[in-house]
């Protein structure tokens, strides 16, 4: 969503850059490393205006969504790319 210009990386403007990487980009970036795991995770489910005031109210569609469905979405659409790698010796 960030890469398409449809969302921003933080709850406020002018925060540090968020960079979009594909799995291929990661493999290219980490040449010289064995990638042991690569997965996506984390969707921010809260209403941003309330979150800024420390109110943790879920967006209506996330509130109505079964937890298992939300987890599946996080694994497919999550904002964080989690990588475990070790140097090739």
PDB file of N, CA and C in Angstrom:
ATOM      1  N   UNK A   1       0.825  -1.188   0.000  1.00  0.00           N
ATOM      2  CA  UNK A   1       0.000   0.000   0.000  1.00  0.00           C
ATOM      3  C   UNK A   1       0.871   1.255   0.000  1.00  0.00           C
ATOM      4  N   UNK A   2       1.968   1.221   0.759  1.00  0.00           N
ATOM      5  CA  UNK A   2       2.881   2.365   0.777  1.00  0.00           C
ATOM      6  C   UNK A   2       3.491   2.552  -0.601  1.00  0.00           C
ATOM      7  N   UNK A   3       3.976   1.446  -1.181  1.00  0.00           N
ATOM      8  CA  UNK A   3       4.620   1.500  -2.487  1.00  0.00           C
ATOM      9  C   UNK A   3       3.680   2.053  -3.550  1.00  0.00           C
ATOM     10  N   UNK A   4       2.382   1.793  -3.417  1.00  0.00           N
ATOM     11  CA  UNK A   4       1.389   2.273  -4.380  1.00  0.00           C
ATOM     12  C   UNK A   4       0.915   3.689  -4.067  1.00  0.00           C
ATOM     13  N   UNK A   5       1.409   4.272  -2.970  1.00  0.00           N
ATOM     14  CA  UNK A   5       1.010   5.626  -2.595  1.00  0.00           C
ATOM     15  C   UNK A   5      -0.352   5.703  -1.938  1.00  0.00           C
ATOM     16  N   UNK A   6      -0.852   4.577  -1.440  1.00  0.00           N
ATOM     17  CA  UNK A   6      -2.182   4.526  -0.835  1.00  0.00           C
ATOM     18  C   UNK A   6      -2.148   4.578   0.691  1.00  0.00           C
ATOM     19  N   UNK A   7      -0.967   4.577   1.273  1.00  0.00           N
ATOM     20  CA  UNK A   7      -0.852   4.635   2.724  1.00  0.00           C
ATOM     21  C   UNK A   7       0.491   5.236   3.069  1.00  0.00           C
ATOM     22  N   UNK A   8       0.727   5.504   4.341  1.00  0.00           N
ATOM     23  CA  UNK A   8       2.003   6.040   4.788  1.00  0.00           C
ATOM     24  C   UNK A   8       2.547   5.141   5.885  1.00  0.00           C
ATOM     25  N   UNK A   9       3.884   5.181   6.111  1.00  0.00           N
ATOM     26  CA  UNK A   9       4.482   4.232   7.041  1.00  0.00           C
ATOM     27  C   UNK A   9       4.195   4.481   8.513  1.00  0.00           C
ATOM     28  N   UNK A  10       3.798   5.689   8.886  1.00  0.00           N
ATOM     29  CA  UNK A  10       3.551   5.996  10.291  1.00  0.00           C
ATOM     30  C   UNK A  10       2.250   6.773  10.431  1.00  0.00           C
ATOM     31  N   UNK A  11       1.835   6.989  11.673  1.00  0.00           N
ATOM     32  CA  UNK A  11       0.578   7.679  11.944  1.00  0.00           C
ATOM     33  C   UNK A  11       0.648   9.170  11.633  1.00  0.00           C
ATOM     34  N   UNK A  12       1.837   9.683  11.419  1.00  0.00           N
ATOM     35  CA  UNK A  12       1.989  11.103  11.097  1.00  0.00           C
ATOM     36  C   UNK A  12       2.851  11.259   9.854  1.00  0.00           C
ATOM     37  N   UNK A  13       2.748  12.386   9.197  1.00  0.00           N
ATOM     38  CA  UNK A  13       3.560  12.678   8.025  1.00  0.00           C
ATOM     39  C   UNK A  13       5.000  12.959   8.431  1.00  0.00           C
ATOM     40  N   UNK A  14       5.869  12.927   7.446  1.00  0.00           N
ATOM     41  CA  UNK A  14       7.282  13.289   7.599  1.00  0.00           C
ATOM     42  C   UNK A  14       8.060  12.393   8.559  1.00  0.00           C
ATOM     43  N   UNK A  15       7.669  11.133   8.637  1.00  0.00           N
ATOM     44  CA  UNK A  15       8.429  10.167   9.434  1.00  0.00           C
ATOM     45  C   UNK A  15       9.533   9.571   8.559  1.00  0.00           C
ATOM     46  N   UNK A  16      10.449   8.833   9.160  1.00  0.00           N
ATOM     47  CA  UNK A  16      11.511   8.223   8.348  1.00  0.00           C
ATOM     48  C   UNK A  16      10.940   7.386   7.213  1.00  0.00           C
ATOM     49  N   UNK A  17      11.745   7.233   6.192  1.00  0.00           N
ATOM     50  CA  UNK A  17      11.335   6.480   5.018  1.00  0.00           C
ATOM     51  C   UNK A  17      11.031   5.029   5.335  1.00  0.00           C
ATOM     52  N   UNK A  18      10.066   4.494   4.664  1.00  0.00           N
ATOM     53  CA  UNK A  18       9.821   3.048   4.673  1.00  0.00           C
ATOM     54  C   UNK A  18      10.164   2.563   3.273  1.00  0.00           C
ATOM     55  N   UNK A  19      10.897   1.490   3.188  1.00  0.00           N
ATOM     56  CA  UNK A  19      11.340   0.967   1.901  1.00  0.00           C
ATOM     57  C   UNK A  19      10.648  -0.352   1.629  1.00  0.00           C
ATOM     58  N   UNK A  20      10.281  -0.553   0.387  1.00  0.00           N
ATOM     59  CA  UNK A  20       9.593  -1.758  -0.057  1.00  0.00           C
ATOM     60  C   UNK A  20      10.623  -2.721  -0.638  1.00  0.00           C
ATOM     61  N   UNK A  21      10.653  -3.967  -0.136  1.00  0.00           N
ATOM     62  CA  UNK A  21      11.544  -5.003  -0.646  1.00  0.00           C
ATOM     63  C   UNK A  21      10.741  -6.236  -1.032  1.00  0.00           C
ATOM     64  N   UNK A  22      11.045  -6.786  -2.166  1.00  0.00           N
ATOM     65  CA  UNK A  22      10.482  -8.080  -2.560  1.00  0.00           C
ATOM     66  C   UNK A  22      11.423  -9.161  -2.024  1.00  0.00           C
ATOM     67  N   UNK A  23      10.968 -10.426  -1.969  1.00  0.00           N
ATOM     68  CA  UNK A  23      11.897 -11.489  -1.575  1.00  0.00           C
ATOM     69  C   UNK A  23      13.147 -11.533  -2.466  1.00  0.00           C
ATOM     70  N   UNK A  24      12.994 -11.279  -3.761  1.00  0.00           N
ATOM     71  CA  UNK A  24      14.162 -11.247  -4.653  1.00  0.00           C
ATOM     72  C   UNK A  24      15.123 -10.142  -4.241  1.00  0.00           C
ATOM     73  N   UNK A  25      14.589  -8.955  -3.907  1.00  0.00           N
ATOM     74  CA  UNK A  25      15.441  -7.852  -3.436  1.00  0.00           C
ATOM     75  C   UNK A  25      16.250  -8.283  -2.210  1.00  0.00           C
ATOM     76  N   UNK A  26      15.607  -8.994  -1.295  1.00  0.00           N
ATOM     77  CA  UNK A  26      16.288  -9.447  -0.076  1.00  0.00           C
ATOM     78  C   UNK A  26      17.415 -10.405  -0.423  1.00  0.00           C
ATOM     79  N   UNK A  27      17.142 -11.347  -1.307  1.00  0.00           N
ATOM     80  CA  UNK A  27      18.186 -12.296  -1.706  1.00  0.00           C
ATOM     81  C   UNK A  27      19.351 -11.562  -2.366  1.00  0.00           C
ATOM     82  N   UNK A  28      19.057 -10.577  -3.207  1.00  0.00           N
ATOM     83  CA  UNK A  28      20.117  -9.791  -3.846  1.00  0.00           C
ATOM     84  C   UNK A  28      20.897  -8.988  -2.809  1.00  0.00           C
ATOM     85  N   UNK A  29      20.196  -8.384  -1.868  1.00  0.00           N
ATOM     86  CA  UNK A  29      20.817  -7.553  -0.835  1.00  0.00           C
ATOM     87  C   UNK A  29      21.694  -8.377   0.106  1.00  0.00           C
ATOM     88  N   UNK A  30      21.277  -9.606   0.372  1.00  0.00           N
ATOM     89  CA  UNK A  30      21.976 -10.446   1.345  1.00  0.00           C
ATOM     90  C   UNK A  30      22.826 -11.529   0.690  1.00  0.00           C
ATOM     91  N   UNK A  31      23.387 -11.223  -0.471  1.00  0.00           N
ATOM     92  CA  UNK A  31      24.333 -12.166  -1.082  1.00  0.00           C
ATOM     93  C   UNK A  31      25.469 -12.375  -0.087  1.00  0.00           C
ATOM     94  N   UNK A  32      25.896 -13.610   0.059  1.00  0.00           N
ATOM     95  CA  UNK A  32      26.909 -13.919   1.067  1.00  0.00           C
ATOM     96  C   UNK A  32      26.298 -14.394   2.378  1.00  0.00           C
ATOM     97  N   UNK A  33      24.967 -14.452   2.414  1.00  0.00           N
ATOM     98  CA  UNK A  33      24.250 -14.952   3.589  1.00  0.00           C
ATOM     99  C   UNK A  33      23.317 -16.079   3.177  1.00  0.00           C
ATOM    100  N   UNK A  34      23.168 -17.047   4.054  1.00  0.00           N
ATOM    101  CA  UNK A  34      22.102 -18.043   3.900  1.00  0.00           C
ATOM    102  C   UNK A  34      20.855 -17.468   4.540  1.00  0.00           C
ATOM    103  N   UNK A  35      19.775 -17.416   3.800  1.00  0.00           N
ATOM    104  CA  UNK A  35      18.512 -16.935   4.357  1.00  0.00           C
ATOM    105  C   UNK A  35      17.770 -18.136   4.911  1.00  0.00           C
ATOM    106  N   UNK A  36      17.662 -18.185   6.233  1.00  0.00           N
ATOM    107  CA  UNK A  36      17.019 -19.313   6.901  1.00  0.00           C
ATOM    108  C   UNK A  36      15.503 -19.185   6.900  1.00  0.00           C
ATOM    109  N   UNK A  37      14.999 -17.963   6.983  1.00  0.00           N
ATOM    110  CA  UNK A  37      13.550 -17.758   6.889  1.00  0.00           C
ATOM    111  C   UNK A  37      13.274 -16.338   6.422  1.00  0.00           C
ATOM    112  N   UNK A  38      12.153 -16.196   5.729  1.00  0.00           N
ATOM    113  CA  UNK A  38      11.715 -14.920   5.190  1.00  0.00           C
ATOM    114  C   UNK A  38      10.191 -14.927   5.261  1.00  0.00           C
ATOM    115  N   UNK A  39       9.624 -14.011   6.023  1.00  0.00           N
ATOM    116  CA  UNK A  39       8.166 -13.998   6.165  1.00  0.00           C
ATOM    117  C   UNK A  39       7.664 -12.572   6.365  1.00  0.00           C
ATOM    118  N   UNK A  40       6.395 -12.383   6.111  1.00  0.00           N
ATOM    119  CA  UNK A  40       5.746 -11.097   6.335  1.00  0.00           C
ATOM    120  C   UNK A  40       4.929 -11.166   7.610  1.00  0.00           C
ATOM    121  N   UNK A  41       4.721  -9.986   8.226  1.00  0.00           N
ATOM    122  CA  UNK A  41       3.889  -9.916   9.417  1.00  0.00           C
ATOM    123  C   UNK A  41       3.518  -8.461   9.666  1.00  0.00           C
ATOM    124  N   UNK A  42       2.551  -8.227  10.487  1.00  0.00           N
ATOM    125  CA  UNK A  42       2.108  -6.953  11.034  1.00  0.00           C
ATOM    126  C   UNK A  42       1.245  -6.121  10.091  1.00  0.00           C
ATOM    127  N   UNK A  43       0.012  -5.988  10.460  1.00  0.00           N
ATOM    128  CA  UNK A  43      -0.913  -5.011   9.879  1.00  0.00           C
ATOM    129  C   UNK A  43      -1.353  -4.133  11.037  1.00  0.00           C
ATOM    130  N   UNK A  44      -1.308  -2.825  10.836  1.00  0.00           N
ATOM    131  CA  UNK A  44      -1.724  -1.893  11.883  1.00  0.00           C
ATOM    132  C   UNK A  44      -3.244  -1.811  11.875  1.00  0.00           C
ATOM    133  N   UNK A  45      -3.935  -2.334  12.899  1.00  0.00           N
ATOM    134  CA  UNK A  45      -5.390  -2.464  12.844  1.00  0.00           C
ATOM    135  C   UNK A  45      -6.182  -1.330  13.489  1.00  0.00           C
ATOM    136  N   UNK A  46      -5.504  -0.326  14.034  1.00  0.00           N
ATOM    137  CA  UNK A  46      -6.196   0.678  14.845  1.00  0.00           C
ATOM    138  C   UNK A  46      -6.623   1.906  14.037  1.00  0.00           C
ATOM    139  N   UNK A  47      -7.595   2.629  14.560  1.00  0.00           N
ATOM    140  CA  UNK A  47      -8.015   3.904  13.996  1.00  0.00           C
ATOM    141  C   UNK A  47      -6.934   4.918  14.358  1.00  0.00           C
ATOM    142  N   UNK A  48      -6.270   5.469  13.347  1.00  0.00           N
ATOM    143  CA  UNK A  48      -5.083   6.293  13.579  1.00  0.00           C
ATOM    144  C   UNK A  48      -5.384   7.510  14.449  1.00  0.00           C
ATOM    145  N   UNK A  49      -6.470   8.210  14.180  1.00  0.00           N
ATOM    146  CA  UNK A  49      -6.762   9.422  14.967  1.00  0.00           C
ATOM    147  C   UNK A  49      -6.918   9.104  16.451  1.00  0.00           C
ATOM    148  N   UNK A  50      -7.484   7.962  16.767  1.00  0.00           N
ATOM    149  CA  UNK A  50      -7.639   7.564  18.177  1.00  0.00           C
ATOM    150  C   UNK A  50      -6.311   7.042  18.744  1.00  0.00           C
ATOM    151  N   UNK A  51      -5.571   6.325  17.917  1.00  0.00           N
ATOM    152  CA  UNK A  51      -4.279   5.785  18.339  1.00  0.00           C
ATOM    153  C   UNK A  51      -3.337   6.906  18.772  1.00  0.00           C
ATOM    154  N   UNK A  52      -3.383   8.040  18.059  1.00  0.00           N
ATOM    155  CA  UNK A  52      -2.541   9.192  18.418  1.00  0.00           C
ATOM    156  C   UNK A  52      -2.840   9.695  19.830  1.00  0.00           C
ATOM    157  N   UNK A  53      -4.043   9.393  20.333  1.00  0.00           N
ATOM    158  CA  UNK A  53      -4.448   9.772  21.689  1.00  0.00           C
ATOM    159  C   UNK A  53      -4.394   8.580  22.645  1.00  0.00           C
ATOM    160  N   UNK A  54      -3.634   7.565  22.277  1.00  0.00           N
ATOM    161  CA  UNK A  54      -3.458   6.363  23.101  1.00  0.00           C
ATOM    162  C   UNK A  54      -4.760   5.594  23.311  1.00  0.00           C
ATOM    163  N   UNK A  55      -5.667   5.701  22.331  1.00  0.00           N
ATOM    164  CA  UNK A  55      -6.901   4.913  22.339  1.00  0.00           C
ATOM    165  C   UNK A  55      -6.742   3.827  21.283  1.00  0.00           C
ATOM    166  N   UNK A  56      -6.828   2.587  21.699  1.00  0.00           N
ATOM    167  CA  UNK A  56      -6.544   1.462  20.817  1.00  0.00           C
ATOM    168  C   UNK A  56      -7.836   0.828  20.317  1.00  0.00           C
ATOM    169  N   UNK A  57      -8.526   1.556  19.445  1.00  0.00           N
ATOM    170  CA  UNK A  57      -9.784   1.075  18.881  1.00  0.00           C
ATOM    171  C   UNK A  57      -9.523   0.509  17.490  1.00  0.00           C
ATOM    172  N   UNK A  58      -9.955  -0.730  17.285  1.00  0.00           N
ATOM    173  CA  UNK A  58      -9.750  -1.384  16.002  1.00  0.00           C
ATOM    174  C   UNK A  58     -10.608  -0.743  14.913  1.00  0.00           C
ATOM    175  N   UNK A  59     -10.058  -0.729  13.690  1.00  0.00           N
ATOM    176  CA  UNK A  59     -10.868  -0.360  12.533  1.00  0.00           C
ATOM    177  C   UNK A  59     -12.066  -1.316  12.504  1.00  0.00           C
ATOM    178  N   UNK A  60     -13.243  -0.868  12.075  1.00  0.00           N
ATOM    179  CA  UNK A  60     -14.432  -1.720  12.113  1.00  0.00           C
ATOM    180  C   UNK A  60     -14.250  -3.060  11.398  1.00  0.00           C
ATOM    181  N   UNK A  61     -13.578  -3.062  10.250  1.00  0.00           N
ATOM    182  CA  UNK A  61     -13.414  -4.325   9.506  1.00  0.00           C
ATOM    183  C   UNK A  61     -12.487  -5.281  10.233  1.00  0.00           C
ATOM    184  N   UNK A  62     -11.498  -4.770  10.974  1.00  0.00           N
ATOM    185  CA  UNK A  62     -10.640  -5.663  11.753  1.00  0.00           C
ATOM    186  C   UNK A  62     -11.367  -6.151  13.003  1.00  0.00           C
ATOM    187  N   UNK A  63     -12.192  -5.306  13.593  1.00  0.00           N
ATOM    188  CA  UNK A  63     -12.961  -5.705  14.774  1.00  0.00           C
ATOM    189  C   UNK A  63     -13.924  -6.841  14.442  1.00  0.00           C
ATOM    190  N   UNK A  64     -14.489  -6.805  13.236  1.00  0.00           N
ATOM    191  CA  UNK A  64     -15.448  -7.828  12.808  1.00  0.00           C
ATOM    192  C   UNK A  64     -14.769  -9.099  12.293  1.00  0.00           C
ATOM    193  N   UNK A  65     -13.488  -9.032  12.066  1.00  0.00           N
ATOM    194  CA  UNK A  65     -12.756 -10.133  11.432  1.00  0.00           C
ATOM    195  C   UNK A  65     -12.327 -11.175  12.468  1.00  0.00           C
ATOM    196  N   UNK A  66     -12.514 -12.451  12.160  1.00  0.00           N
ATOM    197  CA  UNK A  66     -12.008 -13.486  13.068  1.00  0.00           C
ATOM    198  C   UNK A  66     -10.477 -13.387  13.182  1.00  0.00           C
ATOM    199  N   UNK A  67      -9.928 -13.636  14.368  1.00  0.00           N
ATOM    200  CA  UNK A  67      -8.471 -13.539  14.563  1.00  0.00           C
ATOM    201  C   UNK A  67      -7.668 -14.388  13.573  1.00  0.00           C
ATOM    202  N   UNK A  68      -8.173 -15.563  13.241  1.00  0.00           N
ATOM    203  CA  UNK A  68      -7.452 -16.434  12.305  1.00  0.00           C
ATOM    204  C   UNK A  68      -7.352 -15.780  10.923  1.00  0.00           C
ATOM    205  N   UNK A  69      -8.410 -15.119  10.496  1.00  0.00           N
ATOM    206  CA  UNK A  69      -8.400 -14.421   9.206  1.00  0.00           C
ATOM    207  C   UNK A  69      -7.403 -13.269   9.242  1.00  0.00           C
ATOM    208  N   UNK A  70      -7.392 -12.521  10.343  1.00  0.00           N
ATOM    209  CA  UNK A  70      -6.447 -11.412  10.479  1.00  0.00           C
ATOM    210  C   UNK A  70      -5.013 -11.919  10.377  1.00  0.00           C
ATOM    211  N   UNK A  71      -4.698 -13.030  11.035  1.00  0.00           N
ATOM    212  CA  UNK A  71      -3.348 -13.602  10.991  1.00  0.00           C
ATOM    213  C   UNK A  71      -2.958 -13.987   9.563  1.00  0.00           C
ATOM    214  N   UNK A  72      -3.904 -14.566   8.826  1.00  0.00           N
ATOM    215  CA  UNK A  72      -3.630 -14.930   7.435  1.00  0.00           C
ATOM    216  C   UNK A  72      -3.316 -13.680   6.612  1.00  0.00           C
ATOM    217  N   UNK A  73      -4.092 -12.621   6.817  1.00  0.00           N
ATOM    218  CA  UNK A  73      -3.836 -11.365   6.110  1.00  0.00           C
ATOM    219  C   UNK A  73      -2.459 -10.800   6.464  1.00  0.00           C
ATOM    220  N   UNK A  74      -2.086 -10.863   7.737  1.00  0.00           N
ATOM    221  CA  UNK A  74      -0.772 -10.370   8.139  1.00  0.00           C
ATOM    222  C   UNK A  74       0.345 -11.124   7.417  1.00  0.00           C
ATOM    223  N   UNK A  75       0.175 -12.423   7.257  1.00  0.00           N
ATOM    224  CA  UNK A  75       1.207 -13.235   6.603  1.00  0.00           C
ATOM    225  C   UNK A  75       1.271 -12.971   5.098  1.00  0.00           C
ATOM    226  N   UNK A  76       0.173 -12.488   4.523  1.00  0.00           N
ATOM    227  CA  UNK A  76       0.139 -12.203   3.078  1.00  0.00           C
ATOM    228  C   UNK A  76       0.376 -10.738   2.749  1.00  0.00           C
ATOM    229  N   UNK A  77      -0.085  -9.841   3.630  1.00  0.00           N
ATOM    230  CA  UNK A  77      -0.063  -8.413   3.332  1.00  0.00           C
ATOM    231  C   UNK A  77       0.683  -7.576   4.367  1.00  0.00           C
ATOM    232  N   UNK A  78       1.330  -8.233   5.330  1.00  0.00           N
ATOM    233  CA  UNK A  78       1.980  -7.514   6.417  1.00  0.00           C
ATOM    234  C   UNK A  78       3.019  -6.509   5.962  1.00  0.00           C
ATOM    235  N   UNK A  79       3.218  -5.486   6.766  1.00  0.00           N
ATOM    236  CA  UNK A  79       4.142  -4.393   6.435  1.00  0.00           C
ATOM    237  C   UNK A  79       5.591  -4.730   6.739  1.00  0.00           C
ATOM    238  N   UNK A  80       5.841  -5.699   7.591  1.00  0.00           N
ATOM    239  CA  UNK A  80       7.207  -6.019   8.001  1.00  0.00           C
ATOM    240  C   UNK A  80       7.668  -7.302   7.324  1.00  0.00           C
ATOM    241  N   UNK A  81       8.859  -7.246   6.760  1.00  0.00           N
ATOM    242  CA  UNK A  81       9.478  -8.431   6.177  1.00  0.00           C
ATOM    243  C   UNK A  81      10.505  -8.928   7.185  1.00  0.00           C
ATOM    244  N   UNK A  82      10.249 -10.077   7.745  1.00  0.00           N
ATOM    245  CA  UNK A  82      11.104 -10.643   8.809  1.00  0.00           C
ATOM    246  C   UNK A  82      12.097 -11.614   8.192  1.00  0.00           C
ATOM    247  N   UNK A  83      13.368 -11.405   8.474  1.00  0.00           N
ATOM    248  CA  UNK A  83      14.426 -12.196   7.853  1.00  0.00           C
ATOM    249  C   UNK A  83      15.347 -12.748   8.925  1.00  0.00           C
ATOM    250  N   UNK A  84      15.623 -14.037   8.839  1.00  0.00           N
ATOM    251  CA  UNK A  84      16.664 -14.649   9.663  1.00  0.00           C
ATOM    252  C   UNK A  84      17.711 -15.168   8.681  1.00  0.00           C
ATOM    253  N   UNK A  85      18.936 -14.675   8.842  1.00  0.00           N
ATOM    254  CA  UNK A  85      20.018 -15.036   7.916  1.00  0.00           C
ATOM    255  C   UNK A  85      21.315 -15.223   8.687  1.00  0.00           C
ATOM    256  N   UNK A  86      22.196 -15.980   8.112  1.00  0.00           N
ATOM    257  CA  UNK A  86      23.522 -16.205   8.709  1.00  0.00           C
ATOM    258  C   UNK A  86      24.576 -16.115   7.609  1.00  0.00           C
ATOM    259  N   UNK A  87      25.745 -15.589   7.943  1.00  0.00           N
ATOM    260  CA  UNK A  87      26.791 -15.489   6.922  1.00  0.00           C
ATOM    261  C   UNK A  87      27.207 -16.858   6.414  1.00  0.00           C
ATOM    262  N   UNK A  88      27.496 -16.905   5.136  1.00  0.00           N
ATOM    263  CA  UNK A  88      28.058 -18.134   4.537  1.00  0.00           C
ATOM    264  C   UNK A  88      29.518 -18.178   4.933  1.00  0.00           C
ATOM    265  N   UNK A  89      29.907 -19.251   5.562  1.00  0.00           N
ATOM    266  CA  UNK A  89      31.306 -19.370   6.022  1.00  0.00           C
ATOM    267  C   UNK A  89      32.131 -20.198   5.079  1.00  0.00           C
TER     268      UNK A  89
END
